[in-house]
């Protein structure tokens, strides 16, 4: 299974889980040069930028161990860019944060781990 397919499957599980837990998905796979924000959603009155990591084995560590400082800096920059592009189109809340969703597909039943406010914004 390719990395892209694994990532897409993981994002589907993540979106379903988030929706079941009260998040309203606004956008998926927002891309700018250098990468993307996997999911952008509302959790109550908070705008949330969500990084999703999917693993089918622990050969390269658990999903939550995959976040690097470089990726965090990119997420912050991307979040600011997304907000600036959307702010005059829709009313956005002042509160915002970055959440992390780890999707573990190594077992027959997918395991999902949500870490709210995983990284300071």
N, C-alpha and C. Protein backbone atom coordinates (compact mmCIF):
# COMPACT_ATOMS: atom_id res chain seq x y z
N UNK A 1 0.85 -1.18 0.00
CA UNK A 1 0.00 0.00 0.00
C UNK A 1 0.90 1.24 0.00
N UNK A 2 0.61 2.17 -0.88
CA UNK A 2 1.44 3.37 -0.98
C UNK A 2 1.20 4.30 0.21
N UNK A 3 2.16 5.18 0.44
CA UNK A 3 2.06 6.15 1.53
C UNK A 3 0.84 7.04 1.34
N UNK A 4 0.59 7.46 0.11
CA UNK A 4 -0.57 8.32 -0.19
C UNK A 4 -1.87 7.62 0.15
N UNK A 5 -2.00 6.35 -0.24
CA UNK A 5 -3.22 5.61 0.05
C UNK A 5 -3.40 5.44 1.56
N UNK A 6 -2.31 5.10 2.26
CA UNK A 6 -2.37 4.98 3.72
C UNK A 6 -2.81 6.29 4.36
N UNK A 7 -2.23 7.38 3.88
CA UNK A 7 -2.58 8.70 4.41
C UNK A 7 -4.04 9.03 4.16
N UNK A 8 -4.53 8.73 2.97
CA UNK A 8 -5.93 9.00 2.64
C UNK A 8 -6.87 8.18 3.53
N UNK A 9 -6.53 6.91 3.73
CA UNK A 9 -7.35 6.05 4.59
C UNK A 9 -7.34 6.59 6.02
N UNK A 10 -6.16 6.96 6.51
CA UNK A 10 -6.05 7.52 7.85
C UNK A 10 -6.85 8.79 8.01
N UNK A 11 -6.83 9.66 7.01
CA UNK A 11 -7.60 10.91 7.07
C UNK A 11 -9.09 10.64 7.10
N UNK A 12 -9.54 9.63 6.36
CA UNK A 12 -10.96 9.27 6.39
C UNK A 12 -11.37 8.83 7.79
N UNK A 13 -10.56 7.95 8.40
CA UNK A 13 -10.84 7.52 9.78
C UNK A 13 -10.83 8.73 10.73
N UNK A 14 -9.86 9.60 10.55
CA UNK A 14 -9.74 10.78 11.42
C UNK A 14 -10.96 11.69 11.28
N UNK A 15 -11.39 11.96 10.05
CA UNK A 15 -12.56 12.83 9.83
C UNK A 15 -13.81 12.23 10.45
N UNK A 16 -13.99 10.95 10.28
CA UNK A 16 -15.16 10.28 10.86
C UNK A 16 -15.12 10.40 12.39
N UNK A 17 -13.96 10.13 12.96
CA UNK A 17 -13.79 10.21 14.42
C UNK A 17 -14.05 11.63 14.92
N UNK A 18 -13.47 12.61 14.24
CA UNK A 18 -13.63 14.00 14.65
C UNK A 18 -15.10 14.43 14.57
N UNK A 19 -15.77 14.08 13.48
CA UNK A 19 -17.19 14.43 13.32
C UNK A 19 -18.03 13.78 14.42
N UNK A 20 -17.73 12.54 14.75
CA UNK A 20 -18.45 11.85 15.83
C UNK A 20 -18.21 12.50 17.19
N UNK A 21 -17.11 13.26 17.29
CA UNK A 21 -16.77 13.93 18.55
C UNK A 21 -17.03 15.43 18.51
N UNK A 22 -17.91 15.85 17.61
CA UNK A 22 -18.39 17.23 17.61
C UNK A 22 -17.64 18.22 16.75
N UNK A 23 -16.61 17.81 16.05
CA UNK A 23 -15.88 18.73 15.17
C UNK A 23 -16.69 18.93 13.89
N UNK A 24 -16.63 20.14 13.34
CA UNK A 24 -17.24 20.44 12.05
C UNK A 24 -16.09 20.64 11.06
N UNK A 25 -15.96 19.73 10.12
CA UNK A 25 -14.87 19.80 9.13
C UNK A 25 -15.15 20.94 8.16
N UNK A 26 -14.18 21.86 8.03
CA UNK A 26 -14.30 22.98 7.11
C UNK A 26 -13.58 22.72 5.79
N UNK A 27 -12.42 22.09 5.90
CA UNK A 27 -11.60 21.88 4.69
C UNK A 27 -10.61 20.75 4.95
N UNK A 28 -10.26 20.08 3.86
CA UNK A 28 -9.25 19.02 3.95
C UNK A 28 -8.15 19.28 2.93
N UNK A 29 -6.96 18.87 3.29
CA UNK A 29 -5.80 18.92 2.39
C UNK A 29 -5.54 20.30 1.80
N UNK A 30 -5.46 21.29 2.67
CA UNK A 30 -5.12 22.64 2.23
C UNK A 30 -3.63 22.67 1.93
N UNK A 31 -3.29 22.93 0.67
CA UNK A 31 -1.89 22.86 0.24
C UNK A 31 -1.33 24.25 -0.06
N UNK A 32 -0.12 24.44 0.41
CA UNK A 32 0.69 25.56 -0.04
C UNK A 32 2.07 24.98 -0.35
N UNK A 33 2.92 25.78 -0.93
CA UNK A 33 4.25 25.29 -1.28
C UNK A 33 4.94 24.73 -0.04
N UNK A 34 5.36 23.51 -0.13
CA UNK A 34 6.08 22.89 0.97
C UNK A 34 5.28 21.89 1.78
N UNK A 35 3.97 21.81 1.58
CA UNK A 35 3.20 20.85 2.35
C UNK A 35 1.73 21.18 2.43
N UNK A 36 1.08 20.63 3.45
CA UNK A 36 -0.36 20.83 3.58
C UNK A 36 -0.81 20.75 5.03
N UNK A 37 -2.02 21.26 5.26
CA UNK A 37 -2.72 21.04 6.52
C UNK A 37 -3.74 19.96 6.20
N UNK A 38 -3.72 18.87 6.95
CA UNK A 38 -4.58 17.74 6.63
C UNK A 38 -6.06 18.06 6.78
N UNK A 39 -6.43 18.63 7.93
CA UNK A 39 -7.84 18.92 8.20
C UNK A 39 -7.93 20.26 8.93
N UNK A 40 -8.91 21.06 8.53
CA UNK A 40 -9.21 22.30 9.24
C UNK A 40 -10.66 22.18 9.68
N UNK A 41 -10.91 22.41 10.98
CA UNK A 41 -12.25 22.17 11.52
C UNK A 41 -12.57 23.16 12.62
N UNK A 42 -13.83 23.15 13.02
CA UNK A 42 -14.28 23.90 14.18
C UNK A 42 -14.59 22.91 15.29
N UNK A 43 -14.09 23.20 16.48
CA UNK A 43 -14.44 22.44 17.68
C UNK A 43 -15.09 23.45 18.61
N UNK A 44 -16.40 23.50 18.56
CA UNK A 44 -17.11 24.54 19.31
C UNK A 44 -16.78 25.90 18.74
N UNK A 45 -16.18 26.75 19.57
CA UNK A 45 -15.83 28.11 19.13
C UNK A 45 -14.33 28.23 18.82
N UNK A 46 -13.68 27.12 18.58
CA UNK A 46 -12.25 27.12 18.32
C UNK A 46 -11.96 26.60 16.91
N UNK A 47 -11.16 27.34 16.17
CA UNK A 47 -10.68 26.91 14.86
C UNK A 47 -9.50 25.98 15.09
N UNK A 48 -9.53 24.80 14.47
CA UNK A 48 -8.52 23.79 14.74
C UNK A 48 -7.85 23.35 13.45
N UNK A 49 -6.53 23.38 13.45
CA UNK A 49 -5.72 22.86 12.35
C UNK A 49 -5.24 21.49 12.81
N UNK A 50 -5.50 20.47 12.02
CA UNK A 50 -5.28 19.10 12.48
C UNK A 50 -4.27 18.38 11.60
N UNK A 51 -3.24 17.87 12.24
CA UNK A 51 -2.23 17.05 11.58
C UNK A 51 -2.60 15.59 11.82
N UNK A 52 -2.65 14.81 10.76
CA UNK A 52 -2.98 13.38 10.85
C UNK A 52 -1.76 12.57 10.42
N UNK A 53 -1.40 11.60 11.23
CA UNK A 53 -0.32 10.66 10.87
C UNK A 53 -0.87 9.25 10.98
N UNK A 54 -0.62 8.46 9.95
CA UNK A 54 -1.12 7.09 9.89
C UNK A 54 0.06 6.14 9.85
N UNK A 55 -0.05 5.08 10.61
CA UNK A 55 0.99 4.04 10.64
C UNK A 55 0.33 2.67 10.46
N UNK A 56 1.01 1.80 9.72
CA UNK A 56 0.56 0.42 9.58
C UNK A 56 1.48 -0.52 10.36
N UNK A 57 2.57 0.03 10.88
CA UNK A 57 3.46 -0.72 11.77
C UNK A 57 4.23 0.30 12.60
N UNK A 58 4.96 -0.20 13.60
CA UNK A 58 5.76 0.68 14.44
C UNK A 58 7.23 0.69 14.01
N UNK A 59 7.49 0.22 12.81
CA UNK A 59 8.86 0.18 12.30
C UNK A 59 9.52 1.57 12.38
N UNK A 60 8.74 2.61 12.10
CA UNK A 60 9.27 3.98 12.15
C UNK A 60 8.70 4.75 13.34
N UNK A 61 8.23 4.05 14.36
CA UNK A 61 7.70 4.68 15.56
C UNK A 61 6.20 4.84 15.51
N UNK A 62 5.66 5.32 16.62
CA UNK A 62 4.23 5.57 16.73
C UNK A 62 3.88 6.84 15.95
N UNK A 63 2.61 6.98 15.56
CA UNK A 63 2.24 8.17 14.78
C UNK A 63 2.65 9.48 15.44
N UNK A 64 2.43 9.59 16.76
CA UNK A 64 2.73 10.86 17.45
C UNK A 64 4.22 11.17 17.54
N UNK A 65 5.07 10.18 17.27
CA UNK A 65 6.51 10.40 17.30
C UNK A 65 7.04 10.97 15.99
N UNK A 66 6.17 11.15 15.01
CA UNK A 66 6.61 11.57 13.68
C UNK A 66 6.65 13.08 13.47
N UNK A 67 6.15 13.84 14.43
CA UNK A 67 6.11 15.29 14.26
C UNK A 67 7.48 15.90 14.56
N UNK A 68 7.96 16.68 13.61
CA UNK A 68 9.26 17.34 13.75
C UNK A 68 9.06 18.83 13.97
N UNK A 69 10.09 19.49 14.44
CA UNK A 69 10.05 20.95 14.60
C UNK A 69 9.79 21.62 13.25
N UNK A 70 10.39 21.10 12.21
CA UNK A 70 10.18 21.65 10.86
C UNK A 70 8.70 21.58 10.47
N UNK A 71 8.06 20.45 10.74
CA UNK A 71 6.65 20.28 10.42
C UNK A 71 5.80 21.25 11.24
N UNK A 72 6.13 21.44 12.51
CA UNK A 72 5.38 22.37 13.35
C UNK A 72 5.47 23.80 12.82
N UNK A 73 6.66 24.21 12.42
CA UNK A 73 6.85 25.55 11.86
C UNK A 73 6.02 25.71 10.59
N UNK A 74 6.00 24.67 9.78
CA UNK A 74 5.21 24.72 8.56
C UNK A 74 3.72 24.83 8.89
N UNK A 75 3.26 24.06 9.87
CA UNK A 75 1.84 24.12 10.25
C UNK A 75 1.46 25.52 10.72
N UNK A 76 2.31 26.14 11.51
CA UNK A 76 2.04 27.50 11.98
C UNK A 76 1.94 28.47 10.81
N UNK A 77 2.88 28.39 9.89
CA UNK A 77 2.89 29.27 8.73
C UNK A 77 1.66 29.02 7.85
N UNK A 78 1.33 27.77 7.64
CA UNK A 78 0.18 27.41 6.82
C UNK A 78 -1.12 27.88 7.45
N UNK A 79 -1.22 27.75 8.77
CA UNK A 79 -2.42 28.18 9.48
C UNK A 79 -2.63 29.69 9.32
N UNK A 80 -1.57 30.45 9.45
CA UNK A 80 -1.67 31.91 9.26
C UNK A 80 -2.09 32.24 7.84
N UNK A 81 -1.54 31.54 6.87
CA UNK A 81 -1.87 31.77 5.47
C UNK A 81 -3.33 31.41 5.20
N UNK A 82 -3.77 30.26 5.71
CA UNK A 82 -5.16 29.84 5.50
C UNK A 82 -6.12 30.87 6.09
N UNK A 83 -5.83 31.29 7.32
CA UNK A 83 -6.70 32.25 7.99
C UNK A 83 -6.78 33.56 7.20
N UNK A 84 -5.65 34.04 6.74
CA UNK A 84 -5.62 35.30 5.99
C UNK A 84 -6.44 35.20 4.70
N UNK A 85 -6.41 34.05 4.04
CA UNK A 85 -7.14 33.87 2.79
C UNK A 85 -8.65 33.70 3.01
N UNK A 86 -9.05 33.20 4.18
CA UNK A 86 -10.47 32.90 4.43
C UNK A 86 -11.17 33.96 5.28
N UNK A 87 -10.41 34.77 5.98
CA UNK A 87 -10.99 35.69 6.96
C UNK A 87 -12.03 36.63 6.38
N UNK A 88 -11.84 37.12 5.18
CA UNK A 88 -12.82 38.04 4.63
C UNK A 88 -13.95 37.30 3.90
N UNK A 89 -13.89 35.97 3.84
CA UNK A 89 -14.95 35.19 3.22
C UNK A 89 -15.96 34.67 4.23
N UNK A 90 -15.47 34.26 5.39
CA UNK A 90 -16.34 33.73 6.44
C UNK A 90 -15.89 34.26 7.80
N UNK A 91 -16.81 34.30 8.74
CA UNK A 91 -16.49 34.74 10.10
C UNK A 91 -15.74 33.60 10.80
N UNK A 92 -14.53 33.89 11.24
CA UNK A 92 -13.71 32.88 11.91
C UNK A 92 -13.56 33.23 13.39
N UNK A 93 -13.54 32.22 14.24
CA UNK A 93 -13.35 32.49 15.67
C UNK A 93 -11.94 32.98 15.97
N UNK A 94 -11.80 33.71 17.07
CA UNK A 94 -10.49 34.20 17.48
C UNK A 94 -9.62 33.07 18.04
N UNK A 95 -10.25 32.12 18.72
CA UNK A 95 -9.51 31.01 19.32
C UNK A 95 -9.08 30.02 18.23
N UNK A 96 -7.84 29.56 18.34
CA UNK A 96 -7.36 28.55 17.40
C UNK A 96 -6.30 27.70 18.07
N UNK A 97 -6.12 26.49 17.54
CA UNK A 97 -5.14 25.57 18.09
C UNK A 97 -4.77 24.54 17.04
N UNK A 98 -3.73 23.77 17.35
CA UNK A 98 -3.32 22.65 16.50
C UNK A 98 -3.56 21.36 17.27
N UNK A 99 -4.33 20.46 16.67
CA UNK A 99 -4.56 19.14 17.24
C UNK A 99 -3.80 18.11 16.41
N UNK A 100 -3.62 16.95 17.00
CA UNK A 100 -2.95 15.84 16.32
C UNK A 100 -3.85 14.61 16.40
N UNK A 101 -3.98 13.91 15.29
CA UNK A 101 -4.70 12.64 15.27
C UNK A 101 -3.75 11.57 14.74
N UNK A 102 -3.50 10.57 15.57
CA UNK A 102 -2.71 9.42 15.16
C UNK A 102 -3.64 8.28 14.82
N UNK A 103 -3.42 7.69 13.65
CA UNK A 103 -4.24 6.56 13.22
C UNK A 103 -3.33 5.35 13.10
N UNK A 104 -3.62 4.33 13.89
CA UNK A 104 -2.83 3.11 13.92
C UNK A 104 -3.60 2.01 13.20
N UNK A 105 -3.09 1.61 12.04
CA UNK A 105 -3.73 0.56 11.24
C UNK A 105 -2.98 -0.76 11.34
N UNK A 106 -2.13 -0.90 12.36
CA UNK A 106 -1.31 -2.10 12.48
C UNK A 106 -2.10 -3.32 12.96
N UNK A 107 -3.27 -3.10 13.51
CA UNK A 107 -4.11 -4.18 14.01
C UNK A 107 -5.34 -4.29 13.11
N UNK A 108 -6.17 -5.29 13.33
CA UNK A 108 -7.36 -5.47 12.50
C UNK A 108 -8.40 -4.37 12.75
N UNK A 109 -8.38 -3.77 13.94
CA UNK A 109 -9.29 -2.67 14.25
C UNK A 109 -8.48 -1.39 14.38
N UNK A 110 -8.74 -0.40 13.53
CA UNK A 110 -7.98 0.86 13.61
C UNK A 110 -8.10 1.51 14.98
N UNK A 111 -6.99 2.02 15.47
CA UNK A 111 -6.95 2.75 16.74
C UNK A 111 -6.70 4.22 16.42
N UNK A 112 -7.47 5.10 17.04
CA UNK A 112 -7.34 6.53 16.78
C UNK A 112 -7.03 7.24 18.09
N UNK A 113 -6.02 8.10 18.04
CA UNK A 113 -5.62 8.85 19.22
C UNK A 113 -5.66 10.34 18.87
N UNK A 114 -6.49 11.07 19.60
CA UNK A 114 -6.62 12.52 19.42
C UNK A 114 -5.89 13.22 20.55
N UNK A 115 -5.01 14.15 20.17
CA UNK A 115 -4.33 14.97 21.16
C UNK A 115 -4.74 16.41 20.87
N UNK A 116 -5.60 16.96 21.74
CA UNK A 116 -6.06 18.34 21.57
C UNK A 116 -4.96 19.30 22.02
N UNK A 117 -4.84 20.40 21.29
CA UNK A 117 -3.85 21.43 21.61
C UNK A 117 -2.46 20.80 21.75
N UNK A 118 -2.14 19.95 20.79
CA UNK A 118 -0.90 19.18 20.83
C UNK A 118 0.34 20.06 20.74
N UNK A 119 0.23 21.16 20.02
CA UNK A 119 1.37 22.04 19.80
C UNK A 119 0.91 23.48 19.95
N UNK A 120 1.67 24.30 20.63
CA UNK A 120 1.26 25.70 20.79
C UNK A 120 1.22 26.42 19.45
N UNK A 121 0.25 27.30 19.31
CA UNK A 121 0.11 28.05 18.06
C UNK A 121 0.45 29.49 18.31
